[in-house]
Amino acid sequence: MMRIGLLLFAFVQHCSLTQGSMTYKPTWDSLDSRPIPEWFDDAKFGIFIHWGIFSVPAWSKEGAIAEWYYQRLLTGSDGNATRDFHARTYGADFSYADFGSMFKAELWNPAQWAELFKAAGAKYVVLTSKHCDGWANWKSPAKWNYNSVENGPGRDLVGELTNATRTAGLKMGLYYCNIEWGNPLLPWNYENGPLPYSGQERYVEEVFLTELMDITQKYKPSIVNGDYCVLLNSTQLRSRDFLAWLYNESPVKDEVVVDDRWGTDARCHHGGYWTCHDKFQPNYLPPHKWMDENTIGISWGLNRLETVKDYKTVDVLVEMLVSNVAYGGNLLLNVGPTSDGRIIPVMEERLLGMGEWLQVNGEAIYSTKPWRNQTENVTRGSYDILVNWSNIGTTDMSEPGQTTNTIKYLGKFESAQQCLNACSSSNFEAKFGRKCLSFTWHSNDCSQPQWSLTCYGRTDSSWSPAKKLGGTAGQVQGNTIYYTNSKEKATTVYATSIGMLSAGNFTLELPQPSSATQVSLLSSKGPQSLRWAKGEGNKGINIEVEKVDFSIFPAGSAYVFVLTNVN
């Protein structure tokens, strides 16, 4: 195993010394200078496949992702729900690795999958080569008997699907999780977290680099999709060394596309296309190529508890694709097959519906470039601000005016509502000397037991209270509505509230926008368009809440006002 590391080290040294023969150095400045191959920007739409031994139990409690089954067995991070289900269903002595022999793929037809993906209008496919449970869907040199060739199906799942996908005329990519839960070469404290971390060298050498180079040389993937957002940075992973080899010497050096998940310091900053966080959907045109990795249902791996209400309709999926393309992104839409190798009918129906739409409208999707304006009226794009900012908030710390002095850790809570309550409480002001003006609740991304469900309150002084100009017929609970001028972007969240809106009409005074401004009122259920008018003199903008369908706002929900396209 050391031979690969020595060869890679020798290559990196050679790369640094002889730039004439090697194009890219193992530095982010050099690697980031590589342009995205044109085929990826033209393709726009691909299929993601989460498939492995987690597809055997195919279970998580309602509203959770099933492919993290092993992580929850190790940590009990879901209140021991998975541990209880596992003991009840399979027995206390049944190990996670025992699912390997139950993962049969006996009904799997890779050619049938490939034809379905082609009929869906997809141009590329990304299969899970190895998820974070460590199971390999090919004969990994680092995984004796913990792979699909020597156990379970007795088949090279990566190889067979790669051949079928390319026969159908599609590009083939591979997902690879950078770390592994429970691997003895990567020990870490599941209760208190891994940072500061050391001792990963053997794992990086014998597993990470060995497997990545193996799948690249064997299967020549057009996409290498790394993953995992915590634990190791790019220096500890030596991922920059791998990417330099990939771009300069690998058999796919001219065609391959990679993502941004190559260490804790890389995501949304370095790499090929950016994903930033799961289900990333910016409401503006980013300065870098990006891709939205999203699901048809809630879970990535199949969750048998999901029902039809958990699955997005074809209309919603088409709208998602159109919005992504308008903002310069791609859509990688996920399916979670059964352990016997089937794509369940509801997922198949959604894919075929996408294909029918693309047969008629594909000319407006494939090989297109973003127009100068991405929104000409209030669209779902504004809703994404609420999801990214108020619920997930993985990038908020770097926003203008946000510093560690103005963002305070509040604790761990089971819901955004509990975080809202903590933010609104007088205890916050007593403890920190300022009122809590808004909040961030980490719940969907990087959901490790030591990072998930964390709540942060904001005390940023750039926020100011908005003056209420009109009366309130209904009830506005909670704190005052606040606005800020600190986020000077073409499309911006201009005002927010941590209060609750139940019913009624009222007007507010906010800084005056341009005539191109669009205003909407948002909750977790979606946007409602609002009327606005310029105030007298320099009094700003009057936003009128009129004819709002309050049935879409859950009782006690937080809400925000959003002004978009501000000049």
Foldseek 3Di string as FASTA:
>chain_A
DVVLVVVLVVVLVCCVVCCVQAPAHLDQVRQQVDAAPLQVLQQQEAAEEDEDLLLAQLADPPLDASVCLLLCCVQVLVVCPSVVVCCVPPNPPQDSLNSQQVLALQVADLLVVLVLRVLLSGQEYEYEQADQQGQGLAPAPLDVCRYCCNHHNVDNVQVNNLVSNVVSVHAYHYEYEQHHPPDPQQDADQPADQPPHDRNVCVLSRPVSRRVLVCCQPRVHLEYEYDDQDDFALVSNVVSSVSSCCLGPTPNNPRHAYEQHRGNPTAPNGGAAHANWAQDQALAQDPHEHEHEEEQFSYQARHPPDDPVRGDALVVVVLSSLLQVQSSYHYHYGFHAHSNHDGDPVVSVSSSSSSVVCVVVVVVRGPDHHDPDSDQADDQNVQVCCCCVAEANPPVCPAFQHHPLFKAWQAADDDSLVLLCSQQDVVVCVVNVAHFFGKYFHADGSCRSNPHRIIMTGRRPQKDFWAWDFDWPFDKATDGKIAGPRRDDQFDFGIFGSIDDQDTKTKIFDFAFDPSKWKWKDFNQGTDGWDKDADPDGRHIITIDPPDPNVSPPPGTTMGMTITRTD
